[in-house]
Amino acid sequence: MKVTKLFLTALTGAWILASSGMAFAEPDPKLWGVMKEAFFEKREIQDADFMKIDAPRRAESGAQVPVTYMIDNAAAKGVVIKKLYAFVDANPIPLTATYHLTDGLGNFNLSTRIRFETDAFVRLVGETADGKLYLASREIREAGGCGGTVDGYEAQISASAGKIKIKVDEPVKIGSATPATFNIKHTMRTGLQRELVSQGFVPAFYIKQAAFTYNGKPVMTVDVGVGTAEDPYFKFDFVPDAPGKLSVVATDNEGKTFTQEVEVKS
């Protein structure tokens, strides 16, 4: 996907307004047209009622906004989404994550937490194997989650990063949708935050990818962006076809790798 100069200029302007305390009073629908062209050029995108975004109209904190993404396979009537792009269109870095989907998920149902710099729309763009695009949108009001100041203590932050918790809800019924919860300790520095004392920008430091497999077969891979909230959290349904192990391999932007697995019994 090519990001054009026009898109970067528009988003930089939004970021400057937000930083100076003059953030949009309400979500700006004009941003989507710029972002759509930047990421998808002239490709057609159809509105889709089989994709849903569940989220509060006003979140309690811009640093931790809960959202749930859903795809109803029956309502899709044969449309099979293989990739999902999740955006917050007024964030300085709008792509919060890209989800690579498999049949092992059944009906896609995933909850996570994202960041908001100002009131904005969440946009979910689904892509099929043959490149067709589908759109779902939701307006959310919240601010202040991408920039701001942070304390130092980089040694402690680095040492604690990468601790994973993963669990599968019981009882498990083989062949049926089963909720799994993944949480990894990580500060998810955006590169836009300033150090509290020096006021210099703190380098970006974030989980870059989380790849889930079941008995060695791919279930879902998440390309994680800095718009994902601190201590990334994903709760999703998958369909185990036999007893086995759900595994995850996470990597950060410094090349470190973190792994964990959980045994699944019927």
Protein backbone atom coordinates (compact mmCIF):
# COMPACT_ATOMS: atom_id res chain seq x y z
CA MET A 1 0.00 0.00 0.00
CA LYS A 2 1.39 3.39 -1.01
CA VAL A 3 0.94 6.35 1.33
CA THR A 4 0.85 9.58 -0.64
CA LYS A 5 2.31 12.98 0.28
CA LEU A 6 -1.24 14.39 0.40
CA PHE A 7 -2.23 11.86 3.04
CA LEU A 8 0.83 12.54 5.17
CA THR A 9 0.23 16.28 4.95
CA ALA A 10 -3.39 15.92 6.04
CA LEU A 11 -2.56 13.66 8.96
CA THR A 12 0.33 15.88 10.04
CA GLY A 13 -2.10 18.77 10.14
CA ALA A 14 -4.50 16.77 12.30
CA TRP A 15 -1.65 15.85 14.62
CA ILE A 16 -0.55 19.50 15.00
CA LEU A 17 -4.08 20.55 15.85
CA ALA A 18 -4.45 17.81 18.42
CA SER A 19 -1.06 18.54 19.99
CA SER A 20 -1.84 22.23 20.39
CA GLY A 21 -5.12 21.60 22.17
CA MET A 22 -7.25 22.48 19.12
CA ALA A 23 -8.34 18.95 18.22
CA PHE A 24 -11.44 18.42 16.13
CA ALA A 25 -14.62 19.06 18.10
CA GLU A 26 -16.10 16.01 16.43
CA PRO A 27 -14.93 13.23 14.08
CA ASP A 28 -14.11 14.58 10.63
CA PRO A 29 -15.57 12.37 7.83
CA LYS A 30 -13.42 14.17 5.23
CA LEU A 31 -10.31 12.37 6.48
CA TRP A 32 -11.55 9.04 5.15
CA GLY A 33 -11.47 10.19 1.53
CA VAL A 34 -7.83 11.19 1.85
CA MET A 35 -6.89 8.01 3.70
CA LYS A 36 -8.82 5.76 1.32
CA GLU A 37 -6.91 7.13 -1.67
CA ALA A 38 -3.59 6.91 0.16
CA PHE A 39 -3.92 3.28 1.20
CA PHE A 40 -6.10 1.83 -1.56
CA GLU A 41 -5.67 4.32 -4.43
CA LYS A 42 -8.64 4.15 -6.84
CA ARG A 43 -9.90 0.73 -5.79
CA GLU A 44 -13.64 0.41 -5.18
CA ILE A 45 -14.70 -0.18 -1.56
CA GLN A 46 -18.24 -1.39 -0.83
CA ASP A 47 -20.07 -0.77 2.43
CA ALA A 48 -20.64 -4.10 4.19
CA ASP A 49 -23.31 -4.92 6.74
CA PHE A 50 -21.74 -8.33 7.44
CA MET A 51 -18.76 -6.64 9.14
CA LYS A 52 -19.42 -4.94 12.48
CA ILE A 53 -17.51 -2.73 14.92
CA ASP A 54 -18.70 -2.71 18.52
CA ALA A 55 -17.29 0.07 20.72
CA PRO A 56 -18.44 2.74 23.19
CA ARG A 57 -19.65 6.01 21.67
CA ARG A 58 -17.40 7.79 24.18
CA ALA A 59 -14.45 5.93 25.69
CA GLU A 60 -13.12 6.52 29.18
CA SER A 61 -9.50 6.92 28.00
CA GLY A 62 -7.92 7.67 24.63
CA ALA A 63 -5.00 5.43 25.60
CA GLN A 64 -7.19 2.32 26.04
CA VAL A 65 -10.29 2.25 23.82
CA PRO A 66 -12.03 -1.16 23.72
CA VAL A 67 -13.30 -2.33 20.33
CA THR A 68 -14.67 -5.59 18.95
CA TYR A 69 -14.50 -6.55 15.26
CA MET A 70 -16.93 -9.13 13.87
CA ILE A 71 -17.63 -10.87 10.56
CA ASP A 72 -20.86 -12.82 10.07
CA ASN A 73 -20.03 -15.49 7.47
CA ALA A 74 -23.66 -16.36 6.84
CA ALA A 75 -24.60 -12.72 6.19
CA ALA A 76 -21.55 -12.38 3.91
CA LYS A 77 -23.22 -14.77 1.43
CA GLY A 78 -20.05 -16.30 0.09
CA VAL A 79 -17.73 -13.30 0.53
CA VAL A 80 -14.65 -14.60 2.35
CA ILE A 81 -12.48 -11.98 4.01
CA LYS A 82 -8.81 -12.94 4.15
CA LYS A 83 -7.34 -9.70 5.45
CA LEU A 84 -8.68 -6.92 7.68
CA TYR A 85 -7.18 -3.44 7.97
CA ALA A 86 -8.20 -1.55 11.13
CA PHE A 87 -7.84 2.26 11.07
CA VAL A 88 -8.46 5.23 13.33
CA ASP A 89 -8.68 7.91 10.68
CA ALA A 90 -7.61 10.93 12.78
CA ASN A 91 -4.60 9.28 14.43
CA PRO A 92 -1.18 10.51 13.25
CA ILE A 93 -0.45 6.87 12.36
CA PRO A 94 -3.94 5.60 11.44
CA LEU A 95 -3.37 1.88 10.71
CA THR A 96 -3.73 0.22 14.13
CA ALA A 97 -3.35 -3.38 12.91
CA THR A 98 -3.73 -5.73 9.96
CA TYR A 99 -5.33 -9.12 10.58
CA HIS A 100 -4.56 -12.09 8.33
CA LEU A 101 -7.45 -14.54 8.70
CA THR A 102 -7.89 -18.29 8.17
CA ASP A 103 -10.78 -20.76 8.19
CA GLY A 104 -9.65 -21.79 11.68
CA LEU A 105 -11.34 -18.69 13.11
CA GLY A 106 -14.88 -19.55 12.01
CA ASN A 107 -16.95 -16.37 12.32
CA PHE A 108 -14.34 -13.70 13.05
CA ASN A 109 -14.93 -12.21 16.51
CA LEU A 110 -12.03 -10.31 18.07
CA SER A 111 -11.79 -7.80 20.91
CA THR A 112 -8.79 -5.54 21.40
CA ARG A 113 -7.81 -2.10 22.73
CA ILE A 114 -6.62 0.80 20.56
CA ARG A 115 -5.45 4.40 20.90
CA PHE A 116 -7.21 7.62 19.90
CA GLU A 117 -5.52 11.00 19.51
CA THR A 118 -8.82 12.81 18.98
CA ASP A 119 -12.48 12.06 18.21
CA ALA A 120 -12.49 9.89 15.10
CA PHE A 121 -14.03 7.10 13.08
CA VAL A 122 -12.82 3.52 13.36
CA ARG A 123 -12.68 2.04 9.86
CA LEU A 124 -12.51 -1.68 9.18
CA VAL A 125 -11.60 -2.63 5.60
CA GLY A 126 -11.90 -6.28 4.63
CA GLU A 127 -10.12 -7.73 1.60
CA THR A 128 -10.92 -10.97 -0.23
CA ALA A 129 -8.40 -13.25 -1.92
CA ASP A 130 -9.24 -11.67 -5.29
CA GLY A 131 -8.74 -8.12 -3.99
CA LYS A 132 -12.32 -6.93 -3.44
CA LEU A 133 -12.67 -4.45 -0.56
CA TYR A 134 -15.48 -3.98 1.99
CA LEU A 135 -15.96 -1.27 4.64
CA ALA A 136 -17.46 -0.92 8.11
CA SER A 137 -17.24 2.29 10.17
CA ARG A 138 -18.01 3.51 13.68
CA GLU A 139 -17.69 6.92 15.31
CA ILE A 140 -15.95 7.14 18.70
CA ARG A 141 -15.22 10.19 20.83
CA GLU A 142 -12.00 10.23 22.84
CA ALA A 143 -8.58 11.86 22.76
CA GLY A 144 -4.99 11.92 23.96
CA GLY A 145 -3.73 8.36 23.48
CA CYS A 146 -0.89 8.69 20.94
CA GLY A 147 1.31 11.51 22.18
CA GLY A 148 1.91 13.06 25.59
CA THR A 149 4.86 12.56 27.93
CA VAL A 150 6.31 9.38 29.44
CA ASP A 151 8.70 8.60 32.29
CA GLY A 152 12.15 7.21 31.56
CA TYR A 153 13.17 3.94 33.21
CA GLU A 154 14.00 2.39 29.84
CA ALA A 155 15.98 -0.49 31.40
CA GLN A 156 13.00 -1.60 33.49
CA ILE A 157 10.62 -1.21 30.55
CA SER A 158 12.83 -3.29 28.28
CA ALA A 159 13.30 -5.99 30.92
CA SER A 160 9.57 -6.47 31.51
CA ALA A 161 8.59 -6.40 27.83
CA GLY A 162 7.40 -9.60 26.18
CA LYS A 163 5.80 -11.46 29.09
CA ILE A 164 2.85 -13.32 27.56
CA LYS A 165 -0.36 -14.63 29.04
CA ILE A 166 -2.49 -16.85 26.82
CA LYS A 167 -5.48 -18.94 27.84
CA VAL A 168 -8.38 -20.79 26.29
CA ASP A 169 -11.83 -20.73 27.88
CA GLU A 170 -13.10 -24.04 29.23
CA PRO A 171 -14.91 -26.29 28.70
CA VAL A 172 -13.69 -26.75 25.13
CA LYS A 173 -16.01 -28.35 22.57
CA ILE A 174 -13.98 -29.66 19.63
CA GLY A 175 -15.31 -28.29 16.35
CA SER A 176 -17.01 -25.30 17.97
CA ALA A 177 -16.03 -21.66 18.46
CA THR A 178 -13.73 -21.37 21.47
CA PRO A 179 -12.59 -18.05 22.99
CA ALA A 180 -8.84 -17.51 23.47
CA THR A 181 -7.24 -14.54 25.22
CA PHE A 182 -3.75 -13.19 24.50
CA ASN A 183 -2.04 -10.43 26.47
CA ILE A 184 1.60 -9.34 26.19
CA LYS A 185 3.40 -6.90 28.45
CA HIS A 186 4.75 -4.09 26.27
CA THR A 187 4.83 -0.29 26.49
CA MET A 188 4.00 0.17 22.77
CA ARG A 189 5.87 3.46 22.41
CA THR A 190 4.55 5.32 19.36
CA GLY A 191 7.58 7.48 18.57
CA LEU A 192 5.35 10.55 19.14
CA GLN A 193 5.69 10.64 22.93
CA ARG A 194 8.16 12.94 24.72
CA GLU A 195 10.39 12.10 27.66
CA LEU A 196 9.08 13.84 30.77
CA VAL A 197 12.31 15.61 31.76
CA SER A 198 14.18 16.25 28.50
CA GLN A 199 11.04 16.67 26.34
CA GLY A 200 12.84 14.83 23.53
CA PHE A 201 10.90 12.29 21.46
CA VAL A 202 11.15 8.74 22.81
CA PRO A 203 12.03 6.18 20.09
CA ALA A 204 9.25 3.89 18.86
CA PHE A 205 9.25 0.55 20.67
CA TYR A 206 6.36 -1.80 19.96
CA ILE A 207 5.17 -5.32 19.25
CA LYS A 208 5.30 -5.68 15.48
CA GLN A 209 3.57 -9.03 14.92
CA ALA A 210 1.75 -11.82 16.74
CA ALA A 211 1.34 -15.12 14.85
CA PHE A 212 -1.09 -17.72 16.25
CA THR A 213 -1.05 -21.40 15.26
CA TYR A 214 -2.97 -24.47 16.38
CA ASN A 215 -1.16 -27.79 16.18
CA GLY A 216 1.27 -26.11 13.82
CA LYS A 217 -1.40 -24.76 11.44
CA PRO A 218 -1.90 -20.98 11.02
CA VAL A 219 -4.92 -19.53 12.80
CA MET A 220 -4.33 -15.77 12.60
CA THR A 221 -1.42 -13.40 12.15
CA VAL A 222 -1.67 -9.83 13.40
CA ASP A 223 0.60 -7.13 12.02
CA VAL A 224 0.48 -4.83 15.03
CA GLY A 225 0.77 -1.04 14.74
CA VAL A 226 1.51 1.62 17.36
CA GLY A 227 -2.18 2.53 17.38
CA THR A 228 -2.66 -0.68 19.39
CA ALA A 229 -2.81 0.16 23.09
CA GLU A 230 -0.10 -0.55 25.66
CA ASP A 231 0.10 -4.22 26.73
CA PRO A 232 -1.55 -5.54 23.53
CA TYR A 233 -4.66 -7.61 24.12
CA PHE A 234 -6.54 -9.82 21.67
CA LYS A 235 -9.51 -11.99 22.61
CA PHE A 236 -10.71 -14.03 19.66
CA ASP A 237 -12.67 -17.15 18.76
CA PHE A 238 -11.03 -20.09 17.02
CA VAL A 239 -12.32 -23.56 16.14
CA PRO A 240 -10.11 -26.43 17.39
CA ASP A 241 -10.49 -29.52 15.21
CA ALA A 242 -8.84 -31.82 17.77
CA PRO A 243 -7.11 -31.58 21.16
CA GLY A 244 -3.73 -29.89 20.86
CA LYS A 245 -1.78 -26.69 21.49
CA LEU A 246 -2.53 -23.07 20.67
CA SER A 247 0.80 -21.28 20.19
CA VAL A 248 1.86 -17.69 19.60
CA VAL A 249 5.10 -16.13 18.41
CA ALA A 250 5.37 -12.37 18.95
CA THR A 251 8.13 -10.13 17.64
CA ASP A 252 8.93 -6.48 18.37
CA ASN A 253 10.45 -3.77 16.18
CA GLU A 254 13.89 -4.41 17.71
CA GLY A 255 13.85 -8.02 16.49
CA LYS A 256 13.18 -9.70 19.85
CA THR A 257 10.96 -12.79 19.80
CA PHE A 258 8.57 -13.99 22.51
CA THR A 259 6.70 -17.31 22.52
CA GLN A 260 4.03 -19.04 24.57
CA GLU A 261 1.55 -21.90 24.15
CA VAL A 262 -1.41 -23.42 25.93
CA GLU A 263 -2.73 -26.96 25.84
CA VAL A 264 -6.30 -27.44 24.65
CA LYS A 265 -8.27 -30.45 25.92
CA SER A 266 -11.82 -31.48 25.11
